[in-house]
PDB file of all heavy atoms in Angstrom:
ATOM      1  N   SER A   1       0.771  -1.189  -0.002  1.00  0.00           N
ATOM      2  CA  SER A   1       0.053  -0.015   0.049  1.00  0.00           C
ATOM      3  C   SER A   1       0.859   1.257  -0.034  1.00  0.00           C
ATOM      4  O   SER A   1       1.970   1.380   0.584  1.00  0.00           O
ATOM      5  CB  SER A   1      -0.900   0.049   1.170  1.00  0.00           C
ATOM      6  OG  SER A   1      -1.666   1.256   1.320  1.00  0.00           O
ATOM      7  N   ASN A   2       0.431   2.255  -0.719  1.00  0.00           N
ATOM      8  CA  ASN A   2       1.128   3.604  -0.594  1.00  0.00           C
ATOM      9  C   ASN A   2       0.713   4.397   0.451  1.00  0.00           C
ATOM     10  O   ASN A   2      -0.051   5.461   0.441  1.00  0.00           O
ATOM     11  CB  ASN A   2       0.715   4.456  -1.974  1.00  0.00           C
ATOM     12  CG  ASN A   2       1.450   3.904  -3.196  1.00  0.00           C
ATOM     13  OD1 ASN A   2       2.476   3.493  -3.135  1.00  0.00           O
ATOM     14  ND2 ASN A   2       0.759   3.936  -4.375  1.00  0.00           N
ATOM     15  N   CYS A   3       0.935   3.860   1.668  1.00  0.00           N
ATOM     16  CA  CYS A   3       0.408   4.475   2.903  1.00  0.00           C
ATOM     17  C   CYS A   3       1.487   4.658   3.942  1.00  0.00           C
ATOM     18  O   CYS A   3       2.654   4.167   3.768  1.00  0.00           O
ATOM     19  CB  CYS A   3      -0.799   3.562   3.490  1.00  0.00           C
ATOM     20  SG  CYS A   3      -0.053   1.988   4.245  1.00  0.00           S
ATOM     21  N   LYS A   4       1.124   5.459   5.010  1.00  0.00           N
ATOM     22  CA  LYS A   4       2.021   5.653   6.080  1.00  0.00           C
ATOM     23  C   LYS A   4       2.126   4.388   7.082  1.00  0.00           C
ATOM     24  O   LYS A   4       1.049   3.647   7.038  1.00  0.00           O
ATOM     25  CB  LYS A   4       1.613   6.850   6.920  1.00  0.00           C
ATOM     26  CG  LYS A   4       1.751   8.081   6.156  1.00  0.00           C
ATOM     27  CD  LYS A   4       1.356   9.326   6.804  1.00  0.00           C
ATOM     28  CE  LYS A   4       1.630  10.662   6.084  1.00  0.00           C
ATOM     29  NZ  LYS A   4       1.244  11.945   7.001  1.00  0.00           N
ATOM     30  N   ASN A   5       3.020   4.307   7.911  1.00  0.00           N
ATOM     31  CA  ASN A   5       3.081   3.169   8.805  1.00  0.00           C
ATOM     32  C   ASN A   5       1.993   3.107   9.717  1.00  0.00           C
ATOM     33  O   ASN A   5       1.440   2.101  10.038  1.00  0.00           O
ATOM     34  CB  ASN A   5       4.495   3.253   9.513  1.00  0.00           C
ATOM     35  CG  ASN A   5       5.717   2.998   8.771  1.00  0.00           C
ATOM     36  OD1 ASN A   5       5.607   2.278   7.663  1.00  0.00           O
ATOM     37  ND2 ASN A   5       6.809   3.633   9.103  1.00  0.00           N
ATOM     38  N   TYR A   6       1.475   4.341  10.298  1.00  0.00           N
ATOM     39  CA  TYR A   6       0.546   4.385  11.260  1.00  0.00           C
ATOM     40  C   TYR A   6      -0.835   3.672  10.649  1.00  0.00           C
ATOM     41  O   TYR A   6      -1.554   3.044  11.380  1.00  0.00           O
ATOM     42  CB  TYR A   6       0.236   5.790  11.741  1.00  0.00           C
ATOM     43  CG  TYR A   6      -0.938   6.499  10.868  1.00  0.00           C
ATOM     44  CD1 TYR A   6      -2.184   6.261  11.119  1.00  0.00           C
ATOM     45  CD2 TYR A   6      -0.379   7.148   9.636  1.00  0.00           C
ATOM     46  CE1 TYR A   6      -3.115   7.001  10.253  1.00  0.00           C
ATOM     47  CE2 TYR A   6      -1.367   7.730   8.860  1.00  0.00           C
ATOM     48  CZ  TYR A   6      -2.723   7.635   9.204  1.00  0.00           C
ATOM     49  OH  TYR A   6      -3.591   8.149   8.382  1.00  0.00           O
ATOM     50  N   TYR A   7      -0.981   4.011   9.364  1.00  0.00           N
ATOM     51  CA  TYR A   7      -2.133   3.623   8.595  1.00  0.00           C
ATOM     52  C   TYR A   7      -2.199   2.028   8.658  1.00  0.00           C
ATOM     53  O   TYR A   7      -3.268   1.375   8.891  1.00  0.00           O
ATOM     54  CB  TYR A   7      -2.199   4.155   7.311  1.00  0.00           C
ATOM     55  CG  TYR A   7      -3.529   3.918   6.509  1.00  0.00           C
ATOM     56  CD1 TYR A   7      -4.623   4.811   6.748  1.00  0.00           C
ATOM     57  CD2 TYR A   7      -3.627   2.958   5.518  1.00  0.00           C
ATOM     58  CE1 TYR A   7      -5.814   4.596   6.096  1.00  0.00           C
ATOM     59  CE2 TYR A   7      -4.788   2.775   4.736  1.00  0.00           C
ATOM     60  CZ  TYR A   7      -5.904   3.739   5.113  1.00  0.00           C
ATOM     61  OH  TYR A   7      -7.022   3.586   4.266  1.00  0.00           O
ATOM     62  N   MET A   8      -1.072   1.416   8.265  1.00  0.00           N
ATOM     63  CA  MET A   8      -1.036  -0.068   8.233  1.00  0.00           C
ATOM     64  C   MET A   8      -1.153  -0.517   9.649  1.00  0.00           C
ATOM     65  O   MET A   8      -1.916  -1.537   9.828  1.00  0.00           O
ATOM     66  CB  MET A   8       0.326  -0.458   7.548  1.00  0.00           C
ATOM     67  CG  MET A   8       0.425  -1.986   7.399  1.00  0.00           C
ATOM     68  SD  MET A   8      -0.509  -2.544   5.926  1.00  0.00           S
ATOM     69  CE  MET A   8       0.544  -2.063   4.635  1.00  0.00           C
ATOM     70  N   ASN A   9      -0.559   0.043  10.548  1.00  0.00           N
ATOM     71  CA  ASN A   9      -0.748  -0.474  11.967  1.00  0.00           C
ATOM     72  C   ASN A   9      -2.071  -0.324  12.544  1.00  0.00           C
ATOM     73  O   ASN A   9      -2.588  -1.369  13.256  1.00  0.00           O
ATOM     74  CB  ASN A   9       0.335   0.321  12.958  1.00  0.00           C
ATOM     75  CG  ASN A   9       1.832  -0.010  12.432  1.00  0.00           C
ATOM     76  OD1 ASN A   9       2.169  -0.979  11.877  1.00  0.00           O
ATOM     77  ND2 ASN A   9       2.637   1.015  12.821  1.00  0.00           N
ATOM     78  N   SER A  10      -2.754   0.752  12.217  1.00  0.00           N
ATOM     79  CA  SER A  10      -4.227   0.860  12.709  1.00  0.00           C
ATOM     80  C   SER A  10      -5.145  -0.070  12.071  1.00  0.00           C
ATOM     81  O   SER A  10      -5.816  -0.753  12.768  1.00  0.00           O
ATOM     82  CB  SER A  10      -4.631   2.302  12.385  1.00  0.00           C
ATOM     83  OG  SER A  10      -3.795   3.253  12.992  1.00  0.00           O
ATOM     84  N   HIS A  11      -4.873  -0.345  10.778  1.00  0.00           N
ATOM     85  CA  HIS A  11      -5.693  -1.398  10.135  1.00  0.00           C
ATOM     86  C   HIS A  11      -5.340  -2.848  10.579  1.00  0.00           C
ATOM     87  O   HIS A  11      -6.230  -3.646  10.784  1.00  0.00           O
ATOM     88  CB  HIS A  11      -5.581  -1.284   8.647  1.00  0.00           C
ATOM     89  CG  HIS A  11      -6.453  -0.284   8.025  1.00  0.00           C
ATOM     90  ND1 HIS A  11      -7.814  -0.336   7.786  1.00  0.00           N
ATOM     91  CD2 HIS A  11      -6.063   0.958   7.756  1.00  0.00           C
ATOM     92  CE1 HIS A  11      -8.304   0.661   7.204  1.00  0.00           C
ATOM     93  NE2 HIS A  11      -7.336   1.679   7.291  1.00  0.00           N
ATOM     94  N   ASN A  12      -4.118  -2.966  10.899  1.00  0.00           N
ATOM     95  CA  ASN A  12      -3.661  -4.215  11.496  1.00  0.00           C
ATOM     96  C   ASN A  12      -4.251  -4.507  12.789  1.00  0.00           C
ATOM     97  O   ASN A  12      -4.831  -5.510  13.088  1.00  0.00           O
ATOM     98  CB  ASN A  12      -2.180  -4.409  11.692  1.00  0.00           C
ATOM     99  CG  ASN A  12      -1.661  -5.804  12.036  1.00  0.00           C
ATOM    100  OD1 ASN A  12      -2.327  -6.731  11.777  1.00  0.00           O
ATOM    101  ND2 ASN A  12      -0.572  -5.756  12.632  1.00  0.00           N
ATOM    102  N   ALA A  13      -4.463  -3.457  13.558  1.00  0.00           N
ATOM    103  CA  ALA A  13      -4.991  -3.578  14.948  1.00  0.00           C
ATOM    104  C   ALA A  13      -6.456  -3.945  14.906  1.00  0.00           C
ATOM    105  O   ALA A  13      -7.016  -4.715  15.672  1.00  0.00           O
ATOM    106  CB  ALA A  13      -4.792  -2.304  15.806  1.00  0.00           C
ATOM    107  N   MET A  14      -7.170  -3.374  13.876  1.00  0.00           N
ATOM    108  CA  MET A  14      -8.682  -3.566  13.701  1.00  0.00           C
ATOM    109  C   MET A  14      -9.000  -4.861  12.926  1.00  0.00           C
ATOM    110  O   MET A  14     -10.004  -5.482  13.190  1.00  0.00           O
ATOM    111  CB  MET A  14      -9.273  -2.389  13.059  1.00  0.00           C
ATOM    112  CG  MET A  14      -9.225  -1.102  13.780  1.00  0.00           C
ATOM    113  SD  MET A  14      -9.917  -1.233  15.489  1.00  0.00           S
ATOM    114  CE  MET A  14     -11.653  -1.515  15.015  1.00  0.00           C
ATOM    115  N   PHE A  15      -8.199  -5.301  11.959  1.00  0.00           N
ATOM    116  CA  PHE A  15      -8.579  -6.363  11.002  1.00  0.00           C
ATOM    117  C   PHE A  15      -7.632  -7.491  11.063  1.00  0.00           C
ATOM    118  O   PHE A  15      -7.733  -8.510  10.444  1.00  0.00           O
ATOM    119  CB  PHE A  15      -8.555  -5.713   9.668  1.00  0.00           C
ATOM    120  CG  PHE A  15      -9.699  -4.800   9.323  1.00  0.00           C
ATOM    121  CD1 PHE A  15      -9.321  -3.501   9.311  1.00  0.00           C
ATOM    122  CD2 PHE A  15     -11.008  -5.153   9.155  1.00  0.00           C
ATOM    123  CE1 PHE A  15     -10.302  -2.570   9.061  1.00  0.00           C
ATOM    124  CE2 PHE A  15     -12.006  -4.201   8.966  1.00  0.00           C
ATOM    125  CZ  PHE A  15     -11.604  -2.929   8.787  1.00  0.00           C
ATOM    126  N   GLN A  16      -6.583  -7.453  12.057  1.00  0.00           N
ATOM    127  CA  GLN A  16      -5.625  -8.483  12.263  1.00  0.00           C
ATOM    128  C   GLN A  16      -4.973  -9.012  10.866  1.00  0.00           C
ATOM    129  O   GLN A  16      -5.053 -10.106  10.442  1.00  0.00           O
ATOM    130  CB  GLN A  16      -6.366  -9.803  12.869  1.00  0.00           C
ATOM    131  CG  GLN A  16      -6.818  -9.572  14.361  1.00  0.00           C
ATOM    132  CD  GLN A  16      -8.144  -8.817  14.382  1.00  0.00           C
ATOM    133  OE1 GLN A  16      -9.084  -9.106  13.672  1.00  0.00           O
ATOM    134  NE2 GLN A  16      -8.187  -7.644  15.120  1.00  0.00           N
ATOM    135  N   LEU A  17      -4.460  -8.013  10.228  1.00  0.00           N
ATOM    136  CA  LEU A  17      -3.939  -8.171   8.796  1.00  0.00           C
ATOM    137  C   LEU A  17      -2.789  -9.213   9.020  1.00  0.00           C
ATOM    138  O   LEU A  17      -2.606 -10.003   8.036  1.00  0.00           O
ATOM    139  CB  LEU A  17      -3.348  -6.964   8.371  1.00  0.00           C
ATOM    140  CG  LEU A  17      -4.246  -5.800   8.154  1.00  0.00           C
ATOM    141  CD1 LEU A  17      -3.582  -4.454   7.715  1.00  0.00           C
ATOM    142  CD2 LEU A  17      -5.397  -6.169   7.190  1.00  0.00           C
ATOM    143  N   ASP A  18      -1.905  -9.202  10.037  1.00  0.00           N
ATOM    144  CA  ASP A  18      -0.877 -10.006  10.034  1.00  0.00           C
ATOM    145  C   ASP A  18      -1.219 -11.530  10.277  1.00  0.00           C
ATOM    146  O   ASP A  18      -0.336 -12.441  10.207  1.00  0.00           O
ATOM    147  CB  ASP A  18       0.177  -9.606  11.141  1.00  0.00           C
ATOM    148  CG  ASP A  18      -0.423  -9.443  12.510  1.00  0.00           C
ATOM    149  OD1 ASP A  18      -1.679  -9.778  12.746  1.00  0.00           O
ATOM    150  OD2 ASP A  18       0.364  -9.043  13.396  1.00  0.00           O
ATOM    151  N   GLU A  19      -2.528 -11.757  10.594  1.00  0.00           N
ATOM    152  CA  GLU A  19      -2.945 -13.265  10.657  1.00  0.00           C
ATOM    153  C   GLU A  19      -3.342 -13.754   9.323  1.00  0.00           C
ATOM    154  O   GLU A  19      -3.539 -15.007   9.156  1.00  0.00           O
ATOM    155  CB  GLU A  19      -4.146 -13.224  11.535  1.00  0.00           C
ATOM    156  CG  GLU A  19      -3.858 -12.938  13.049  1.00  0.00           C
ATOM    157  CD  GLU A  19      -5.018 -13.140  13.982  1.00  0.00           C
ATOM    158  OE1 GLU A  19      -6.126 -13.513  13.535  1.00  0.00           O
ATOM    159  OE2 GLU A  19      -4.893 -12.774  15.194  1.00  0.00           O
ATOM    160  N   ILE A  20      -3.479 -12.853   8.313  1.00  0.00           N
ATOM    161  CA  ILE A  20      -3.951 -13.206   6.939  1.00  0.00           C
ATOM    162  C   ILE A  20      -2.653 -13.154   5.921  1.00  0.00           C
ATOM    163  O   ILE A  20      -2.536 -13.971   5.106  1.00  0.00           O
ATOM    164  CB  ILE A  20      -5.016 -12.338   6.461  1.00  0.00           C
ATOM    165  CG1 ILE A  20      -6.244 -12.423   7.369  1.00  0.00           C
ATOM    166  CG2 ILE A  20      -5.333 -12.639   4.964  1.00  0.00           C
ATOM    167  CD1 ILE A  20      -7.416 -11.634   6.980  1.00  0.00           C
ATOM    168  N   PHE A  21      -1.984 -11.909   6.021  1.00  0.00           N
ATOM    169  CA  PHE A  21      -0.915 -11.667   5.066  1.00  0.00           C
ATOM    170  C   PHE A  21       0.442 -12.192   5.651  1.00  0.00           C
ATOM    171  O   PHE A  21       0.672 -12.070   6.871  1.00  0.00           O
ATOM    172  CB  PHE A  21      -0.887 -10.210   4.809  1.00  0.00           C
ATOM    173  CG  PHE A  21      -2.189  -9.776   4.042  1.00  0.00           C
ATOM    174  CD1 PHE A  21      -3.116  -9.175   4.694  1.00  0.00           C
ATOM    175  CD2 PHE A  21      -2.299  -9.911   2.681  1.00  0.00           C
ATOM    176  CE1 PHE A  21      -4.312  -8.747   4.060  1.00  0.00           C
ATOM    177  CE2 PHE A  21      -3.396  -9.544   1.994  1.00  0.00           C
ATOM    178  CZ  PHE A  21      -4.481  -8.907   2.697  1.00  0.00           C
ATOM    179  N   ASP A  22       1.276 -12.611   4.779  1.00  0.00           N
ATOM    180  CA  ASP A  22       2.672 -13.073   5.085  1.00  0.00           C
ATOM    181  C   ASP A  22       3.610 -11.867   5.268  1.00  0.00           C
ATOM    182  O   ASP A  22       4.552 -12.033   5.916  1.00  0.00           O
ATOM    183  CB  ASP A  22       3.174 -13.997   3.989  1.00  0.00           C
ATOM    184  CG  ASP A  22       2.258 -15.246   4.001  1.00  0.00           C
ATOM    185  OD1 ASP A  22       2.541 -16.163   4.847  1.00  0.00           O
ATOM    186  OD2 ASP A  22       1.474 -15.355   3.134  1.00  0.00           O
ATOM    187  N   LEU A  23       3.223 -10.770   4.504  1.00  0.00           N
ATOM    188  CA  LEU A  23       3.956  -9.526   4.689  1.00  0.00           C
ATOM    189  C   LEU A  23       3.082  -8.349   4.414  1.00  0.00           C
ATOM    190  O   LEU A  23       2.347  -8.291   3.608  1.00  0.00           O
ATOM    191  CB  LEU A  23       5.052  -9.583   3.497  1.00  0.00           C
ATOM    192  CG  LEU A  23       6.016  -8.460   3.405  1.00  0.00           C
ATOM    193  CD1 LEU A  23       6.943  -8.430   4.619  1.00  0.00           C
ATOM    194  CD2 LEU A  23       7.039  -8.734   2.254  1.00  0.00           C
ATOM    195  N   LEU A  24       3.458  -7.318   5.280  1.00  0.00           N
ATOM    196  CA  LEU A  24       2.671  -6.035   5.174  1.00  0.00           C
ATOM    197  C   LEU A  24       3.664  -4.966   4.685  1.00  0.00           C
ATOM    198  O   LEU A  24       4.661  -4.689   5.333  1.00  0.00           O
ATOM    199  CB  LEU A  24       2.169  -5.735   6.492  1.00  0.00           C
ATOM    200  CG  LEU A  24       1.261  -6.641   7.223  1.00  0.00           C
ATOM    201  CD1 LEU A  24       0.722  -6.226   8.519  1.00  0.00           C
ATOM    202  CD2 LEU A  24      -0.109  -6.920   6.368  1.00  0.00           C
ATOM    203  N   MET A  25       3.404  -4.365   3.625  1.00  0.00           N
ATOM    204  CA  MET A  25       4.283  -3.361   2.983  1.00  0.00           C
ATOM    205  C   MET A  25       3.751  -1.994   2.794  1.00  0.00           C
ATOM    206  O   MET A  25       2.702  -1.694   2.026  1.00  0.00           O
ATOM    207  CB  MET A  25       4.714  -3.864   1.517  1.00  0.00           C
ATOM    208  CG  MET A  25       5.438  -5.254   1.652  1.00  0.00           C
ATOM    209  SD  MET A  25       5.837  -5.800  -0.109  1.00  0.00           S
ATOM    210  CE  MET A  25       7.286  -4.602  -0.421  1.00  0.00           C
ATOM    211  N   ALA A  26       4.058  -1.108   3.658  1.00  0.00           N
ATOM    212  CA  ALA A  26       3.660   0.324   3.714  1.00  0.00           C
ATOM    213  C   ALA A  26       4.739   1.137   3.073  1.00  0.00           C
ATOM    214  O   ALA A  26       5.827   1.035   3.331  1.00  0.00           O
ATOM    215  CB  ALA A  26       3.374   0.844   5.118  1.00  0.00           C
ATOM    216  N   SER A  27       4.450   2.052   2.102  1.00  0.00           N
ATOM    217  CA  SER A  27       5.276   2.730   1.305  1.00  0.00           C
ATOM    218  C   SER A  27       6.232   3.677   2.169  1.00  0.00           C
ATOM    219  O   SER A  27       7.343   3.921   1.797  1.00  0.00           O
ATOM    220  CB  SER A  27       4.634   3.456   0.199  1.00  0.00           C
ATOM    221  OG  SER A  27       3.756   4.500   0.880  1.00  0.00           O
ATOM    222  N   GLU A  28       5.827   4.128   3.341  1.00  0.00           N
ATOM    223  CA  GLU A  28       6.460   4.916   4.175  1.00  0.00           C
ATOM    224  C   GLU A  28       7.887   4.110   4.611  1.00  0.00           C
ATOM    225  O   GLU A  28       8.822   4.755   4.720  1.00  0.00           O
ATOM    226  CB  GLU A  28       5.776   5.390   5.420  1.00  0.00           C
ATOM    227  CG  GLU A  28       6.627   6.337   6.332  1.00  0.00           C
ATOM    228  CD  GLU A  28       5.940   6.907   7.495  1.00  0.00           C
ATOM    229  OE1 GLU A  28       4.814   6.331   7.892  1.00  0.00           O
ATOM    230  OE2 GLU A  28       6.401   7.822   8.200  1.00  0.00           O
ATOM    231  N   ALA A  29       7.658   2.901   4.916  1.00  0.00           N
ATOM    232  CA  ALA A  29       8.748   2.068   5.287  1.00  0.00           C
ATOM    233  C   ALA A  29       9.785   1.837   4.251  1.00  0.00           C
ATOM    234  O   ALA A  29      10.895   1.318   4.501  1.00  0.00           O
ATOM    235  CB  ALA A  29       8.139   0.663   5.870  1.00  0.00           C
ATOM    236  N   TYR A  30       9.368   2.221   3.076  1.00  0.00           N
ATOM    237  CA  TYR A  30      10.299   1.924   1.810  1.00  0.00           C
ATOM    238  C   TYR A  30      10.635   3.378   1.189  1.00  0.00           C
ATOM    239  O   TYR A  30      11.004   3.419  -0.027  1.00  0.00           O
ATOM    240  CB  TYR A  30       9.578   1.049   0.834  1.00  0.00           C
ATOM    241  CG  TYR A  30       9.465  -0.378   1.180  1.00  0.00           C
ATOM    242  CD1 TYR A  30       8.365  -0.717   2.043  1.00  0.00           C
ATOM    243  CD2 TYR A  30      10.405  -1.412   0.956  1.00  0.00           C
ATOM    244  CE1 TYR A  30       8.196  -2.001   2.454  1.00  0.00           C
ATOM    245  CE2 TYR A  30      10.251  -2.633   1.289  1.00  0.00           C
ATOM    246  CZ  TYR A  30       9.177  -3.049   2.063  1.00  0.00           C
ATOM    247  OH  TYR A  30       9.065  -4.340   2.638  1.00  0.00           O
ATOM    248  N   GLY A  31      10.550   4.406   1.965  1.00  0.00           N
ATOM    249  CA  GLY A  31      10.805   5.700   1.635  1.00  0.00           C
ATOM    250  C   GLY A  31       9.990   6.257   0.562  1.00  0.00           C
ATOM    251  O   GLY A  31      10.361   6.949  -0.352  1.00  0.00           O
ATOM    252  N   TYR A  32       8.712   5.848   0.507  1.00  0.00           N
ATOM    253  CA  TYR A  32       7.656   6.165  -0.491  1.00  0.00           C
ATOM    254  C   TYR A  32       8.086   5.922  -1.946  1.00  0.00           C
ATOM    255  O   TYR A  32       7.764   6.670  -2.808  1.00  0.00           O
ATOM    256  CB  TYR A  32       7.265   7.707  -0.263  1.00  0.00           C
ATOM    257  CG  TYR A  32       6.509   7.968   0.980  1.00  0.00           C
ATOM    258  CD1 TYR A  32       7.202   8.775   2.075  1.00  0.00           C
ATOM    259  CD2 TYR A  32       5.249   7.604   1.234  1.00  0.00           C
ATOM    260  CE1 TYR A  32       6.540   8.981   3.223  1.00  0.00           C
ATOM    261  CE2 TYR A  32       4.668   7.708   2.355  1.00  0.00           C
ATOM    262  CZ  TYR A  32       5.316   8.599   3.425  1.00  0.00           C
ATOM    263  OH  TYR A  32       4.696   8.743   4.568  1.00  0.00           O
ATOM    264  N   GLN A  33       8.781   4.856  -1.967  1.00  0.00           N
ATOM    265  CA  GLN A  33       9.084   4.298  -3.448  1.00  0.00           C
ATOM    266  C   GLN A  33       7.997   3.887  -4.168  1.00  0.00           C
ATOM    267  O   GLN A  33       6.884   3.704  -3.563  1.00  0.00           O
ATOM    268  CB  GLN A  33      10.208   3.271  -3.385  1.00  0.00           C
ATOM    269  CG  GLN A  33      11.511   3.741  -2.759  1.00  0.00           C
ATOM    270  CD  GLN A  33      12.514   2.466  -2.859  1.00  0.00           C
ATOM    271  OE1 GLN A  33      13.035   2.171  -3.854  1.00  0.00           O
ATOM    272  NE2 GLN A  33      12.711   1.942  -1.649  1.00  0.00           N
ATOM    273  N   SER A  34       8.012   3.761  -5.381  1.00  0.00           N
ATOM    274  CA  SER A  34       6.933   3.100  -6.269  1.00  0.00           C
ATOM    275  C   SER A  34       6.721   1.676  -5.844  1.00  0.00           C
ATOM    276  O   SER A  34       7.625   1.076  -5.233  1.00  0.00           O
ATOM    277  CB  SER A  34       7.177   3.230  -7.754  1.00  0.00           C
ATOM    278  OG  SER A  34       8.274   2.314  -8.022  1.00  0.00           O
ATOM    279  N   LYS A  35       5.593   1.136  -6.049  1.00  0.00           N
ATOM    280  CA  LYS A  35       5.203  -0.304  -5.710  1.00  0.00           C
ATOM    281  C   LYS A  35       6.279  -1.259  -6.539  1.00  0.00           C
ATOM    282  O   LYS A  35       6.648  -2.143  -5.969  1.00  0.00           O
ATOM    283  CB  LYS A  35       3.817  -0.549  -6.025  1.00  0.00           C
ATOM    284  CG  LYS A  35       2.805   0.034  -5.042  1.00  0.00           C
ATOM    285  CD  LYS A  35       1.390  -0.390  -5.294  1.00  0.00           C
ATOM    286  CE  LYS A  35       0.523   0.182  -4.148  1.00  0.00           C
ATOM    287  NZ  LYS A  35      -0.822  -0.171  -4.273  1.00  0.00           N
ATOM    288  N   ALA A  36       6.578  -0.943  -7.700  1.00  0.00           N
ATOM    289  CA  ALA A  36       7.373  -1.754  -8.550  1.00  0.00           C
ATOM    290  C   ALA A  36       8.820  -1.727  -7.736  1.00  0.00           C
ATOM    291  O   ALA A  36       9.344  -2.786  -7.616  1.00  0.00           O
ATOM    292  CB  ALA A  36       7.655  -1.130  -9.897  1.00  0.00           C
ATOM    293  N   ALA A  37       9.290  -0.626  -7.240  1.00  0.00           N
ATOM    294  CA  ALA A  37      10.625  -0.553  -6.522  1.00  0.00           C
ATOM    295  C   ALA A  37      10.511  -1.376  -5.246  1.00  0.00           C
ATOM    296  O   ALA A  37      11.337  -2.012  -4.799  1.00  0.00           O
ATOM    297  CB  ALA A  37      11.030   0.795  -6.367  1.00  0.00           C
ATOM    298  N   MET A  38       9.340  -1.197  -4.473  1.00  0.00           N
ATOM    299  CA  MET A  38       9.096  -1.922  -3.202  1.00  0.00           C
ATOM    300  C   MET A  38       9.202  -3.524  -3.503  1.00  0.00           C
ATOM    301  O   MET A  38       9.821  -4.257  -2.740  1.00  0.00           O
ATOM    302  CB  MET A  38       7.821  -1.526  -2.629  1.00  0.00           C
ATOM    303  CG  MET A  38       7.607  -0.213  -2.088  1.00  0.00           C
ATOM    304  SD  MET A  38       6.050   0.417  -1.806  1.00  0.00           S
ATOM    305  CE  MET A  38       5.549  -0.584  -0.426  1.00  0.00           C
TER     306      MET A  38
END
């Protein structure tokens, strides 16, 4: 997602994303690079 870390973390808290997905990739953690670069 092209999102900030807090956004991913908030949704993880509400929807338990890490129980479904093997990896959560927020663009802030990758310096707001393009998805292809991530």
